[in-house]
Amino acid sequence: MSEAMTTEHLEHAEHAEHVAHQGAPFLTQVSMTIAIMAVIAATIGSLETIETAATLGAQNAAALSQSKASDQWAFFQAKSIKKSVHEVGARQSGPQADALAAEAKRYGEESKAIKSEAEGFEHQVEERLHEAEHHEHRHHILTMAVTLLHAAIAIATIAIITKGRKWPWYAGLALTVAGVALAGYAYI
């Protein structure tokens, strides 16, 4: 969450405090509601930031696993080439044929283990990318929720500016409920 967004919430709280000193009960109620809305918006904004960080972390983990998988596949290729060279040498018959066949067999067995490890890293890549998509989806939902709360704060403030009209306050409350519900939906 940016510093400007944090400052914005503090400004709304200051406006609410100023109105509270004017002594109008409804305006005091609206001001308190706006302050609560600002706290909720800041909290959901923090959750949004956490989801962004989780997305980046999962994407970085996927990239690292992809790099490890690539290394393992390169190692697998090297072992496969050595195996093929030794098999060709063993087929030539000669004094080293049995030793070359044994080496080819050893390289073949090592290749299987390396292939299995490479496939494991590829599976990790898929898991991490799925995890990143999940966090990114939450981030988008939380962004919409925070936007609703910012709109709620702005609209509820109209009740203060108009010296007590109730419809903006009700609209702000409705948007707040929608924003909180949307934020809750992100974690279902």
N, C-alpha and C. Protein backbone atom coordinates (compact mmCIF):
# COMPACT_ATOMS: atom_id res chain seq x y z
N MET A 1 0.86 -1.17 0.00
CA MET A 1 0.00 0.00 0.00
C MET A 1 0.90 1.23 0.00
N SER A 2 0.58 2.21 -0.79
CA SER A 2 1.43 3.38 -0.94
C SER A 2 1.25 4.32 0.25
N GLU A 3 2.23 5.20 0.39
CA GLU A 3 2.20 6.17 1.47
C GLU A 3 1.02 7.13 1.29
N ALA A 4 0.69 7.46 0.04
CA ALA A 4 -0.43 8.36 -0.24
C ALA A 4 -1.74 7.77 0.25
N MET A 5 -1.90 6.44 0.07
CA MET A 5 -3.13 5.79 0.53
C MET A 5 -3.22 5.85 2.05
N THR A 6 -2.09 5.65 2.74
CA THR A 6 -2.07 5.71 4.20
C THR A 6 -2.43 7.11 4.65
N THR A 7 -1.87 8.11 4.01
CA THR A 7 -2.16 9.50 4.34
C THR A 7 -3.62 9.82 4.10
N GLU A 8 -4.19 9.28 3.05
CA GLU A 8 -5.60 9.52 2.73
C GLU A 8 -6.49 9.06 3.87
N HIS A 9 -6.20 7.90 4.43
CA HIS A 9 -7.00 7.38 5.54
C HIS A 9 -6.89 8.30 6.77
N LEU A 10 -5.69 8.82 7.01
CA LEU A 10 -5.51 9.73 8.13
C LEU A 10 -6.27 11.03 7.92
N GLU A 11 -6.30 11.53 6.70
CA GLU A 11 -7.05 12.75 6.39
C GLU A 11 -8.54 12.57 6.67
N HIS A 12 -9.08 11.41 6.28
CA HIS A 12 -10.51 11.15 6.54
C HIS A 12 -10.77 11.11 8.05
N ALA A 13 -9.86 10.52 8.79
CA ALA A 13 -10.02 10.46 10.25
C ALA A 13 -9.96 11.86 10.85
N GLU A 14 -9.09 12.74 10.33
CA GLU A 14 -9.01 14.12 10.81
C GLU A 14 -10.30 14.88 10.52
N HIS A 15 -10.86 14.70 9.32
CA HIS A 15 -12.13 15.35 8.97
C HIS A 15 -13.23 14.87 9.91
N ALA A 16 -13.22 13.58 10.21
CA ALA A 16 -14.24 13.03 11.11
C ALA A 16 -14.11 13.64 12.50
N GLU A 17 -12.87 13.80 12.95
CA GLU A 17 -12.65 14.40 14.27
C GLU A 17 -13.14 15.85 14.28
N HIS A 18 -12.88 16.60 13.23
CA HIS A 18 -13.31 17.99 13.14
C HIS A 18 -14.83 18.11 13.22
N VAL A 19 -15.53 17.24 12.50
CA VAL A 19 -16.99 17.27 12.50
C VAL A 19 -17.53 16.86 13.86
N ALA A 20 -16.85 15.93 14.52
CA ALA A 20 -17.31 15.48 15.84
C ALA A 20 -17.33 16.63 16.84
N HIS A 21 -16.44 17.60 16.66
CA HIS A 21 -16.40 18.74 17.58
C HIS A 21 -17.50 19.76 17.30
N GLN A 22 -18.21 19.62 16.18
CA GLN A 22 -19.28 20.55 15.86
C GLN A 22 -20.55 20.26 16.66
N GLY A 23 -20.69 19.08 17.20
CA GLY A 23 -21.80 18.78 18.09
C GLY A 23 -23.07 18.25 17.46
N ALA A 24 -23.14 18.05 16.17
CA ALA A 24 -24.33 17.51 15.53
C ALA A 24 -24.29 15.98 15.64
N PRO A 25 -25.29 15.36 16.33
CA PRO A 25 -25.23 13.92 16.58
C PRO A 25 -25.14 13.07 15.31
N PHE A 26 -25.95 13.41 14.29
CA PHE A 26 -25.90 12.60 13.06
C PHE A 26 -24.55 12.76 12.38
N LEU A 27 -24.05 13.99 12.32
CA LEU A 27 -22.75 14.21 11.68
C LEU A 27 -21.63 13.53 12.45
N THR A 28 -21.76 13.48 13.76
CA THR A 28 -20.77 12.75 14.57
C THR A 28 -20.83 11.26 14.24
N GLN A 29 -22.02 10.76 14.08
CA GLN A 29 -22.20 9.35 13.72
C GLN A 29 -21.59 9.07 12.34
N VAL A 30 -21.83 9.95 11.40
CA VAL A 30 -21.26 9.79 10.06
C VAL A 30 -19.74 9.85 10.14
N SER A 31 -19.23 10.79 10.92
CA SER A 31 -17.77 10.93 11.06
C SER A 31 -17.14 9.67 11.65
N MET A 32 -17.78 9.12 12.65
CA MET A 32 -17.25 7.88 13.26
C MET A 32 -17.30 6.74 12.25
N THR A 33 -18.37 6.69 11.49
CA THR A 33 -18.50 5.66 10.46
C THR A 33 -17.39 5.78 9.43
N ILE A 34 -17.10 7.01 9.02
CA ILE A 34 -16.04 7.24 8.03
C ILE A 34 -14.69 6.80 8.59
N ALA A 35 -14.45 7.10 9.86
CA ALA A 35 -13.19 6.68 10.48
C ALA A 35 -13.08 5.15 10.49
N ILE A 36 -14.17 4.48 10.79
CA ILE A 36 -14.18 3.01 10.79
C ILE A 36 -13.97 2.48 9.38
N MET A 37 -14.62 3.13 8.41
CA MET A 37 -14.43 2.73 7.01
C MET A 37 -12.95 2.85 6.61
N ALA A 38 -12.32 3.93 7.06
CA ALA A 38 -10.90 4.15 6.72
C ALA A 38 -10.02 3.05 7.31
N VAL A 39 -10.33 2.62 8.53
CA VAL A 39 -9.57 1.54 9.16
C VAL A 39 -9.78 0.23 8.40
N ILE A 40 -11.01 -0.03 8.02
CA ILE A 40 -11.31 -1.25 7.25
C ILE A 40 -10.59 -1.21 5.90
N ALA A 41 -10.63 -0.05 5.24
CA ALA A 41 -9.95 0.08 3.94
C ALA A 41 -8.45 -0.13 4.09
N ALA A 42 -7.87 0.41 5.15
CA ALA A 42 -6.43 0.23 5.37
C ALA A 42 -6.10 -1.24 5.63
N THR A 43 -6.96 -1.92 6.37
CA THR A 43 -6.74 -3.34 6.66
C THR A 43 -6.83 -4.18 5.40
N ILE A 44 -7.84 -3.95 4.60
CA ILE A 44 -7.98 -4.70 3.35
C ILE A 44 -6.86 -4.34 2.39
N GLY A 45 -6.42 -3.09 2.40
CA GLY A 45 -5.28 -2.68 1.59
C GLY A 45 -4.02 -3.43 1.99
N SER A 46 -3.85 -3.66 3.28
CA SER A 46 -2.70 -4.44 3.76
C SER A 46 -2.79 -5.88 3.29
N LEU A 47 -3.98 -6.45 3.33
CA LEU A 47 -4.17 -7.81 2.83
C LEU A 47 -3.85 -7.89 1.34
N GLU A 48 -4.24 -6.84 0.62
CA GLU A 48 -3.95 -6.78 -0.82
C GLU A 48 -2.43 -6.79 -1.04
N THR A 49 -1.71 -6.03 -0.24
CA THR A 49 -0.25 -5.98 -0.34
C THR A 49 0.37 -7.33 -0.01
N ILE A 50 -0.16 -8.00 0.98
CA ILE A 50 0.34 -9.33 1.36
C ILE A 50 0.14 -10.31 0.20
N GLU A 51 -1.00 -10.25 -0.45
CA GLU A 51 -1.26 -11.14 -1.58
C GLU A 51 -0.33 -10.84 -2.75
N THR A 52 -0.03 -9.57 -2.95
CA THR A 52 0.92 -9.21 -4.01
C THR A 52 2.29 -9.82 -3.71
N ALA A 53 2.73 -9.70 -2.47
CA ALA A 53 4.03 -10.26 -2.09
C ALA A 53 4.02 -11.79 -2.23
N ALA A 54 2.92 -12.41 -1.87
CA ALA A 54 2.82 -13.88 -2.00
C ALA A 54 2.86 -14.30 -3.47
N THR A 55 2.23 -13.50 -4.33
CA THR A 55 2.28 -13.78 -5.77
C THR A 55 3.71 -13.74 -6.27
N LEU A 56 4.41 -12.68 -5.91
CA LEU A 56 5.80 -12.53 -6.35
C LEU A 56 6.69 -13.64 -5.78
N GLY A 57 6.46 -14.00 -4.53
CA GLY A 57 7.24 -15.08 -3.91
C GLY A 57 7.03 -16.41 -4.62
N ALA A 58 5.79 -16.71 -4.94
CA ALA A 58 5.49 -17.97 -5.64
C ALA A 58 6.06 -17.96 -7.06
N GLN A 59 6.00 -16.80 -7.72
CA GLN A 59 6.58 -16.71 -9.07
C GLN A 59 8.10 -16.88 -9.02
N ASN A 60 8.73 -16.31 -8.01
CA ASN A 60 10.18 -16.48 -7.87
C ASN A 60 10.54 -17.93 -7.58
N ALA A 61 9.75 -18.59 -6.74
CA ALA A 61 9.99 -20.00 -6.44
C ALA A 61 9.82 -20.85 -7.70
N ALA A 62 8.84 -20.50 -8.53
CA ALA A 62 8.64 -21.22 -9.79
C ALA A 62 9.84 -21.03 -10.71
N ALA A 63 10.35 -19.82 -10.78
CA ALA A 63 11.51 -19.55 -11.64
C ALA A 63 12.73 -20.32 -11.16
N LEU A 64 12.91 -20.38 -9.85
CA LEU A 64 14.04 -21.14 -9.30
C LEU A 64 13.89 -22.63 -9.60
N SER A 65 12.70 -23.16 -9.42
CA SER A 65 12.46 -24.57 -9.73
C SER A 65 12.65 -24.85 -11.22
N GLN A 66 12.25 -23.89 -12.07
CA GLN A 66 12.44 -24.06 -13.51
C GLN A 66 13.93 -24.10 -13.85
N SER A 67 14.69 -23.27 -13.19
CA SER A 67 16.14 -23.26 -13.41
C SER A 67 16.76 -24.59 -12.98
N LYS A 68 16.32 -25.10 -11.84
CA LYS A 68 16.82 -26.39 -11.37
C LYS A 68 16.42 -27.52 -12.32
N ALA A 69 15.20 -27.45 -12.83
CA ALA A 69 14.73 -28.47 -13.79
C ALA A 69 15.58 -28.41 -15.06
N SER A 70 15.86 -27.21 -15.54
CA SER A 70 16.68 -27.05 -16.74
C SER A 70 18.08 -27.63 -16.52
N ASP A 71 18.64 -27.36 -15.34
CA ASP A 71 19.96 -27.91 -15.01
C ASP A 71 19.92 -29.44 -15.02
N GLN A 72 18.87 -29.99 -14.42
CA GLN A 72 18.77 -31.45 -14.36
C GLN A 72 18.58 -32.05 -15.75
N TRP A 73 17.80 -31.38 -16.61
CA TRP A 73 17.62 -31.90 -17.97
C TRP A 73 18.93 -31.84 -18.75
N ALA A 74 19.72 -30.80 -18.53
CA ALA A 74 21.03 -30.72 -19.19
C ALA A 74 21.94 -31.84 -18.70
N PHE A 75 21.90 -32.10 -17.41
CA PHE A 75 22.69 -33.19 -16.83
C PHE A 75 22.22 -34.54 -17.38
N PHE A 76 20.91 -34.68 -17.51
CA PHE A 76 20.33 -35.90 -18.09
C PHE A 76 20.83 -36.09 -19.51
N GLN A 77 20.84 -35.03 -20.30
CA GLN A 77 21.32 -35.11 -21.69
C GLN A 77 22.78 -35.54 -21.73
N ALA A 78 23.58 -34.97 -20.84
CA ALA A 78 25.01 -35.33 -20.81
C ALA A 78 25.19 -36.81 -20.49
N LYS A 79 24.43 -37.30 -19.51
CA LYS A 79 24.53 -38.72 -19.14
C LYS A 79 24.03 -39.60 -20.28
N SER A 80 22.97 -39.16 -20.97
CA SER A 80 22.44 -39.93 -22.09
C SER A 80 23.46 -40.02 -23.23
N ILE A 81 24.14 -38.92 -23.49
CA ILE A 81 25.17 -38.93 -24.54
C ILE A 81 26.31 -39.87 -24.16
N LYS A 82 26.74 -39.81 -22.91
CA LYS A 82 27.82 -40.70 -22.46
C LYS A 82 27.37 -42.16 -22.57
N LYS A 83 26.13 -42.42 -22.19
CA LYS A 83 25.60 -43.78 -22.29
C LYS A 83 25.65 -44.25 -23.74
N SER A 84 25.19 -43.40 -24.67
CA SER A 84 25.19 -43.76 -26.09
C SER A 84 26.60 -44.01 -26.62
N VAL A 85 27.53 -43.18 -26.23
CA VAL A 85 28.92 -43.35 -26.67
C VAL A 85 29.48 -44.68 -26.17
N HIS A 86 29.21 -45.00 -24.92
CA HIS A 86 29.70 -46.26 -24.34
C HIS A 86 29.02 -47.46 -24.98
N GLU A 87 27.72 -47.33 -25.31
CA GLU A 87 27.03 -48.44 -25.99
C GLU A 87 27.63 -48.69 -27.37
N VAL A 88 27.92 -47.62 -28.09
CA VAL A 88 28.55 -47.76 -29.41
C VAL A 88 29.91 -48.44 -29.27
N GLY A 89 30.68 -48.03 -28.27
CA GLY A 89 32.00 -48.63 -28.04
C GLY A 89 31.90 -50.09 -27.67
N ALA A 90 30.88 -50.45 -26.88
CA ALA A 90 30.72 -51.85 -26.45
C ALA A 90 30.34 -52.72 -27.64
N ARG A 91 29.59 -52.15 -28.60
CA ARG A 91 29.19 -52.93 -29.78
C ARG A 91 30.35 -53.18 -30.74
N GLN A 92 31.41 -52.45 -30.60
CA GLN A 92 32.55 -52.61 -31.47
C GLN A 92 33.36 -53.86 -31.11
N SER A 93 33.04 -54.53 -30.05
CA SER A 93 33.76 -55.66 -29.48
C SER A 93 35.26 -55.38 -29.45
N GLY A 94 35.81 -55.84 -28.49
CA GLY A 94 37.23 -55.64 -28.25
C GLY A 94 37.50 -55.83 -26.78
N PRO A 95 38.73 -55.56 -26.38
CA PRO A 95 39.11 -55.82 -24.99
C PRO A 95 38.32 -54.97 -23.98
N GLN A 96 37.82 -53.81 -24.38
CA GLN A 96 37.09 -52.91 -23.46
C GLN A 96 35.57 -53.05 -23.58
N ALA A 97 35.08 -53.96 -24.39
CA ALA A 97 33.65 -54.06 -24.66
C ALA A 97 32.84 -54.28 -23.39
N ASP A 98 33.27 -55.19 -22.52
CA ASP A 98 32.51 -55.45 -21.28
C ASP A 98 32.53 -54.25 -20.34
N ALA A 99 33.67 -53.59 -20.24
CA ALA A 99 33.78 -52.41 -19.38
C ALA A 99 32.92 -51.27 -19.93
N LEU A 100 32.91 -51.10 -21.24
CA LEU A 100 32.09 -50.06 -21.85
C LEU A 100 30.61 -50.36 -21.68
N ALA A 101 30.21 -51.61 -21.79
CA ALA A 101 28.81 -51.99 -21.57
C ALA A 101 28.39 -51.72 -20.13
N ALA A 102 29.28 -52.01 -19.19
CA ALA A 102 28.99 -51.75 -17.77
C ALA A 102 28.83 -50.24 -17.52
N GLU A 103 29.72 -49.46 -18.14
CA GLU A 103 29.62 -48.00 -18.00
C GLU A 103 28.32 -47.48 -18.62
N ALA A 104 27.94 -48.02 -19.77
CA ALA A 104 26.69 -47.61 -20.41
C ALA A 104 25.51 -47.92 -19.51
N LYS A 105 25.54 -49.07 -18.87
CA LYS A 105 24.46 -49.45 -17.96
C LYS A 105 24.41 -48.49 -16.77
N ARG A 106 25.59 -48.15 -16.22
CA ARG A 106 25.65 -47.23 -15.07
C ARG A 106 25.09 -45.86 -15.47
N TYR A 107 25.49 -45.35 -16.64
CA TYR A 107 24.98 -44.06 -17.10
C TYR A 107 23.46 -44.11 -17.32
N GLY A 108 22.97 -45.24 -17.79
CA GLY A 108 21.53 -45.40 -17.98
C GLY A 108 20.77 -45.33 -16.67
N GLU A 109 21.32 -45.97 -15.63
CA GLU A 109 20.67 -45.94 -14.31
C GLU A 109 20.73 -44.53 -13.71
N GLU A 110 21.88 -43.87 -13.86
CA GLU A 110 22.01 -42.51 -13.35
C GLU A 110 21.04 -41.57 -14.08
N SER A 111 20.88 -41.79 -15.38
CA SER A 111 19.98 -40.96 -16.18
C SER A 111 18.55 -41.06 -15.67
N LYS A 112 18.13 -42.24 -15.27
CA LYS A 112 16.76 -42.42 -14.77
C LYS A 112 16.53 -41.58 -13.51
N ALA A 113 17.51 -41.61 -12.59
CA ALA A 113 17.38 -40.84 -11.35
C ALA A 113 17.36 -39.33 -11.65
N ILE A 114 18.23 -38.91 -12.57
CA ILE A 114 18.29 -37.50 -12.93
C ILE A 114 16.99 -37.05 -13.60
N LYS A 115 16.45 -37.90 -14.47
CA LYS A 115 15.18 -37.59 -15.15
C LYS A 115 14.05 -37.44 -14.13
N SER A 116 14.03 -38.33 -13.15
CA SER A 116 13.00 -38.28 -12.11
C SER A 116 13.10 -36.97 -11.31
N GLU A 117 14.34 -36.56 -11.01
CA GLU A 117 14.53 -35.31 -10.27
C GLU A 117 14.09 -34.10 -11.11
N ALA A 118 14.42 -34.13 -12.40
CA ALA A 118 14.02 -33.03 -13.30
C ALA A 118 12.51 -32.94 -13.38
N GLU A 119 11.85 -34.08 -13.48
CA GLU A 119 10.37 -34.09 -13.53
C GLU A 119 9.79 -33.56 -12.22
N GLY A 120 10.46 -33.88 -11.11
CA GLY A 120 10.01 -33.37 -9.80
C GLY A 120 10.08 -31.85 -9.76
N PHE A 121 11.18 -31.29 -10.28
CA PHE A 121 11.30 -29.83 -10.33
C PHE A 121 10.23 -29.22 -11.24
N GLU A 122 9.93 -29.88 -12.35
CA GLU A 122 8.88 -29.38 -13.24
C GLU A 122 7.53 -29.40 -12.55
N HIS A 123 7.28 -30.40 -11.74
CA HIS A 123 6.05 -30.47 -10.97
C HIS A 123 5.99 -29.30 -9.97
N GLN A 124 7.14 -28.99 -9.34
CA GLN A 124 7.19 -27.85 -8.42
C GLN A 124 6.88 -26.54 -9.14
N VAL A 125 7.38 -26.42 -10.37
CA VAL A 125 7.10 -25.21 -11.17
C VAL A 125 5.59 -25.06 -11.34
N GLU A 126 4.93 -26.12 -11.74
CA GLU A 126 3.48 -26.07 -11.94
C GLU A 126 2.75 -25.70 -10.65
N GLU A 127 3.18 -26.29 -9.53
CA GLU A 127 2.54 -25.99 -8.25
C GLU A 127 2.72 -24.52 -7.87
N ARG A 128 3.94 -24.01 -8.02
CA ARG A 128 4.22 -22.62 -7.66
C ARG A 128 3.47 -21.64 -8.57
N LEU A 129 3.38 -21.96 -9.85
CA LEU A 129 2.64 -21.08 -10.75
C LEU A 129 1.15 -21.08 -10.42
N HIS A 130 0.63 -22.24 -10.05
CA HIS A 130 -0.78 -22.32 -9.62
C HIS A 130 -0.98 -21.49 -8.35
N GLU A 131 -0.04 -21.61 -7.42
CA GLU A 131 -0.10 -20.84 -6.18
C GLU A 131 -0.06 -19.33 -6.48
N ALA A 132 0.81 -18.93 -7.41
CA ALA A 132 0.92 -17.51 -7.78
C ALA A 132 -0.39 -17.01 -8.38
N GLU A 133 -1.02 -17.83 -9.23
CA GLU A 133 -2.30 -17.45 -9.83
C GLU A 133 -3.37 -17.28 -8.75
N HIS A 134 -3.35 -18.15 -7.76
CA HIS A 134 -4.31 -18.08 -6.66
C HIS A 134 -4.15 -16.76 -5.89
N HIS A 135 -2.89 -16.42 -5.56
CA HIS A 135 -2.64 -15.17 -4.82
C HIS A 135 -2.97 -13.94 -5.68
N GLU A 136 -2.67 -14.03 -6.97
CA GLU A 136 -2.97 -12.91 -7.86
C GLU A 136 -4.48 -12.70 -7.97
N HIS A 137 -5.24 -13.79 -8.01
CA HIS A 137 -6.70 -13.71 -8.05
C HIS A 137 -7.21 -13.01 -6.78
N ARG A 138 -6.69 -13.41 -5.63
CA ARG A 138 -7.07 -12.75 -4.37
C ARG A 138 -6.73 -11.27 -4.42
N HIS A 139 -5.55 -10.97 -4.92
CA HIS A 139 -5.11 -9.57 -5.01
C HIS A 139 -6.12 -8.74 -5.81
N HIS A 140 -6.56 -9.27 -6.94
CA HIS A 140 -7.52 -8.53 -7.78
C HIS A 140 -8.84 -8.31 -7.05
N ILE A 141 -9.30 -9.33 -6.36
CA ILE A 141 -10.57 -9.19 -5.61
C ILE A 141 -10.40 -8.15 -4.50
N LEU A 142 -9.28 -8.21 -3.78
CA LEU A 142 -9.04 -7.25 -2.70
C LEU A 142 -8.89 -5.83 -3.24
N THR A 143 -8.34 -5.69 -4.43
CA THR A 143 -8.24 -4.36 -5.06
C THR A 143 -9.63 -3.79 -5.29
N MET A 144 -10.55 -4.63 -5.78
CA MET A 144 -11.92 -4.16 -5.99
C MET A 144 -12.57 -3.82 -4.65
N ALA A 145 -12.30 -4.62 -3.61
CA ALA A 145 -12.89 -4.36 -2.29
C ALA A 145 -12.40 -3.02 -1.74
N VAL A 146 -11.11 -2.75 -1.85
CA VAL A 146 -10.56 -1.48 -1.36
C VAL A 146 -11.14 -0.32 -2.16
N THR A 147 -11.30 -0.51 -3.44
CA THR A 147 -11.89 0.54 -4.27
C THR A 147 -13.32 0.86 -3.82
N LEU A 148 -14.09 -0.18 -3.51
CA LEU A 148 -15.44 0.05 -2.99
C LEU A 148 -15.41 0.83 -1.68
N LEU A 149 -14.46 0.49 -0.82
CA LEU A 149 -14.35 1.19 0.47
C LEU A 149 -13.93 2.65 0.28
N HIS A 150 -13.04 2.90 -0.66
CA HIS A 150 -12.66 4.29 -0.92
C HIS A 150 -13.85 5.07 -1.45
N ALA A 151 -14.61 4.45 -2.33
CA ALA A 151 -15.82 5.11 -2.83
C ALA A 151 -16.81 5.33 -1.68
N ALA A 152 -16.93 4.35 -0.79
CA ALA A 152 -17.84 4.47 0.36
C ALA A 152 -17.46 5.66 1.23
N ILE A 153 -16.17 5.82 1.47
CA ILE A 153 -15.69 6.94 2.29
C ILE A 153 -16.03 8.26 1.62
N ALA A 154 -15.75 8.34 0.33
CA ALA A 154 -16.02 9.58 -0.40
C ALA A 154 -17.51 9.91 -0.41
N ILE A 155 -18.33 8.92 -0.65
CA ILE A 155 -19.78 9.15 -0.71
C ILE A 155 -20.34 9.49 0.67
N ALA A 156 -19.87 8.79 1.70
CA ALA A 156 -20.35 9.09 3.06
C ALA A 156 -19.94 10.50 3.47
N THR A 157 -18.81 10.97 2.99
CA THR A 157 -18.37 12.33 3.30
C THR A 157 -19.35 13.37 2.75
N ILE A 158 -20.04 13.03 1.69
CA ILE A 158 -21.05 13.94 1.13
C ILE A 158 -22.13 14.25 2.18
N ALA A 159 -22.42 13.30 3.05
CA ALA A 159 -23.41 13.54 4.12
C ALA A 159 -22.96 14.67 5.04
N ILE A 160 -21.66 14.78 5.25
CA ILE A 160 -21.14 15.86 6.09
C ILE A 160 -21.18 17.18 5.32
N ILE A 161 -20.75 17.11 4.07
CA ILE A 161 -20.70 18.33 3.24
C ILE A 161 -22.10 18.93 3.07
N THR A 162 -23.10 18.07 2.92
CA THR A 162 -24.48 18.54 2.73
C THR A 162 -25.19 18.78 4.05
N LYS A 163 -24.44 18.77 5.12
CA LYS A 163 -24.95 19.08 6.47
C LYS A 163 -26.06 18.16 6.94
N GLY A 164 -25.91 16.89 6.68
CA GLY A 164 -26.82 15.94 7.28
C GLY A 164 -27.73 15.16 6.37
N ARG A 165 -27.56 15.22 5.08
CA ARG A 165 -28.37 14.36 4.20
C ARG A 165 -27.99 12.91 4.48
N LYS A 166 -29.00 12.08 4.57
CA LYS A 166 -28.76 10.71 5.00
C LYS A 166 -28.44 9.75 3.86
N TRP A 167 -28.93 10.02 2.66
CA TRP A 167 -28.73 9.06 1.57
C TRP A 167 -27.25 8.79 1.27
N PRO A 168 -26.35 9.80 1.35
CA PRO A 168 -24.95 9.47 1.07
C PRO A 168 -24.36 8.53 2.13
N TRP A 169 -24.80 8.73 3.36
CA TRP A 169 -24.31 7.87 4.45
C TRP A 169 -24.79 6.44 4.22
N TYR A 170 -26.07 6.28 3.86
CA TYR A 170 -26.59 4.94 3.60
C TYR A 170 -25.88 4.29 2.41
N ALA A 171 -25.63 5.08 1.37
CA ALA A 171 -24.92 4.56 0.20
C ALA A 171 -23.50 4.14 0.59
N GLY A 172 -22.86 4.95 1.43
CA GLY A 172 -21.51 4.61 1.91
C GLY A 172 -21.51 3.32 2.73
N LEU A 173 -22.54 3.17 3.56
CA LEU A 173 -22.64 1.94 4.35
C LEU A 173 -22.84 0.72 3.45
N ALA A 174 -23.68 0.88 2.43
CA ALA A 174 -23.93 -0.23 1.50
C ALA A 174 -22.64 -0.61 0.77
N LEU A 175 -21.91 0.38 0.31
CA LEU A 175 -20.65 0.10 -0.38
C LEU A 175 -19.62 -0.54 0.57
N THR A 176 -19.65 -0.12 1.83
CA THR A 176 -18.74 -0.72 2.81
C THR A 176 -19.06 -2.19 3.01
N VAL A 177 -20.33 -2.50 3.15
CA VAL A 177 -20.74 -3.90 3.31
C VAL A 177 -20.33 -4.70 2.07
N ALA A 178 -20.54 -4.12 0.89
CA ALA A 178 -20.15 -4.81 -0.34
C ALA A 178 -18.64 -5.02 -0.38
N GLY A 179 -17.87 -4.02 0.01
CA GLY A 179 -16.41 -4.15 0.01
C GLY A 179 -15.92 -5.20 1.00
N VAL A 180 -16.49 -5.20 2.19
CA VAL A 180 -16.10 -6.21 3.19
C VAL A 180 -16.50 -7.61 2.73
N ALA A 181 -17.69 -7.73 2.16
CA ALA A 181 -18.12 -9.04 1.64
C ALA A 181 -17.21 -9.51 0.52
N LEU A 182 -16.82 -8.60 -0.35
CA LEU A 182 -15.92 -8.95 -1.45
C LEU A 182 -14.56 -9.38 -0.91
N ALA A 183 -14.07 -8.68 0.09
CA ALA A 183 -12.79 -9.06 0.71
C ALA A 183 -12.90 -10.44 1.35
N GLY A 184 -14.01 -10.71 2.00
CA GLY A 184 -14.22 -12.04 2.58
C GLY A 184 -14.27 -13.11 1.51
N TYR A 185 -14.90 -12.79 0.39
CA TYR A 185 -15.00 -13.73 -0.73
C TYR A 185 -13.62 -14.12 -1.26
N ALA A 186 -12.67 -13.20 -1.18
CA ALA A 186 -11.31 -13.47 -1.67
C ALA A 186 -10.69 -14.65 -0.94
N TYR A 187 -11.12 -14.91 0.27
CA TYR A 187 -10.51 -15.98 1.08
C TYR A 187 -11.36 -17.22 1.19
N ILE A 188 -12.43 -17.26 0.41
CA ILE A 188 -13.27 -18.46 0.41
C ILE A 188 -12.71 -19.46 -0.57
